[in-house]
């Protein structure tokens, strides 16, 4: 028998509750099968090899004989704001990719500076000089990783005398470089000696602002110049600085616009048929990553249809129990390998090796082969200055007018997640992608160290994914008949992130309010009808915990991730849905928000201690705090009623699941209550946010009592 539900409205709530419960769980189950139906053999899943062994053997055998036939590789590093993306962090990324174990004459590194900062250019000039010492040191002693800061942080004290001597020397040079860059950053101007050293600084003479300036293109190291050598007489890779033209009357299309400008400019300077793009905080952690990617792209049997090789996004600053769920363990070790088995993972915007021609819009044609040696450019007789002057037009504001750039060529415009939609369109042109998750991670970046950073980042991701789902480029709309059904389902998992907010908000609010009124929404614990609910609750969370532990996480880390899913679904995902629909009706326009890559010492210390950071006034904090306060008040008032009026047995019999749900929500929000009521540090919840959330929660409780 079902319990008395307290009238027709209660019955309707039961039906809605059941519908949300089983529809949401079924949808996640059906769509999520894409991740386990056909797992990848290269995603480092247990039981599978981490890299096709024959490819490595093939490259090793050919290395000595065919070294000159390896394709050129252009590396794109994008930065946009020297304030929240410190120049020293960016330079560590640049130096790490310059030191790849790859022929330097085949390697070109491009830094796109969307802030047009002379400080960033100065830092790159300093890094170019330091690279003459750093690259030989890396190759002589085969060091890993090849980011100077990461290497100095991880190097053992027990080194051979020869390496210890070289390490001390190169570390001293690095410290001198860091001091000069940080001094320039502190005083806000470039030293006169540097201004006289390089004519490139003259380009800032007509500089108006970061949103209004000419193209600034500087080739700091010309890799084709036989005189461009390090201290040991070995060739250096090409190094290029680009700040594309910006004008207030021309929309610049954020990172997608920067990437497309890099594609065009690099095609005239080095024109490597392989393009690697990395975020400015994502340094190379493995000097063999290029050769690993070539194992897939150059495979004579199956490489002809591979458009890009995606490495996972990993981070070096995660806490032991991953306070903000930043590791994305399940995504990297289960979901992406599952998509790999269905035709390839999505393109996530960093740590990705592309074929240049596929980025430029080429469609896959069965049976066609690509000559990796045909894409070299000849610049015989042209000076660096002449080349810079000729090529900078390709980065102008008006170059893309009446062209297919941003539509059929390059990265797609008009979406906050330009990487995901670009990868989808590449898949729909007939190409496949590969996912590679080696034991030694290819790239390591900086995870968010505050709750606000994490929520803002996920709002952009989820909003962009939802926009894709509702656009003419929806994976369901354009993918059917073009790509594997499992891959379509995989894309839909991420496109449906933000709509999950409605079911989560329902479960976080309605059962607690009905608990306060004393009206049950679930069957009695003695009824057989409770079994489906128990099955879903236990089954879903047991599977989730098992997946997380299998991926190397901890129980507390899983609990932190559950909290973050709750916070994301009740705040940033809700705002993502609202902003998306406002954009659809013309009342809002999405912007590109850059996540801060640096935090002050107090914030960093609290992060290392795994104390959640609530010290910001944010509408998202108000929403999630209001929901948390509502659950606390409902549970407390229900306990008071039971104590004063008795009836514990009947309450337990009729509303056990509601009590359990409300109790779990209160338990998972303990860090928030601590920040709102007890903490005294700067990471506490702002008083204004706490007051608003209490008023909202009490208002809802009051309305519930009188309705």
Foldseek 3Di string as FASTA:
>chain_A
DFDPQPDDVSVVLLVVLVCLLVVVVVLCVVLVVLLVVFFFLQLPAPPHDVADPVLVVVCVVCCVPCLVQDFAEEEEEEDEDCVQQPLLLLLLQVLQQQLFPHAQLRYAYEYEYLFPDVLNVLLVLLSLQLSLLLNVLCVVVVDFRSRLVVRVVPPDPDDDPVNVVSNVVSVVSVVVSVVQSVVCVVVVHHDPVSCVVDVLVVLCVPPDGSQAGAKRKDWSAQQVDLPCHGPVSGTGHTYMYIHFGHDPVFDQQPPQNSQQLCLQLCLARWQGQKYAYAYSQKHFRHSCLVSSFCSQCVPPPHNLQAFKEAEDAAADQAAQLRLQLQGCLCCSNGRQSSLQSFFGGAFQRHRMMGRSVLLFQDFDDPPDGDSSNPSGDDDPPPDSVNSCVVSSVSRYRCPCPPHCRLPRHHFHGDFLRSRRLSRLVSQLSVGGHHYRYDPRGGIHGFTDLALVLVLVVLLRQQLRLLLCCPDCNQCVNSVVPRGGPSNSSSSVVSNCLLVVLVSLVCLLAVLLLCLLVVRASAGFPPDPRCVVVVCSVCVVVVVQQVSQVSSPHDPSSSLSNVLSSSLNSQFSSPVSVVQNVCVVVPNHGDDHDDRRRDDDPVSSVCSNVSQHFQLDDDPSLLRVLLSLLLLVVSLVSSVVCCVVPNDPVVCCRRHVVSNVSSVSSNVSCVSLVCLQPPDDDSRRHDVVSNVSSNVSSVVSSVVSNVD
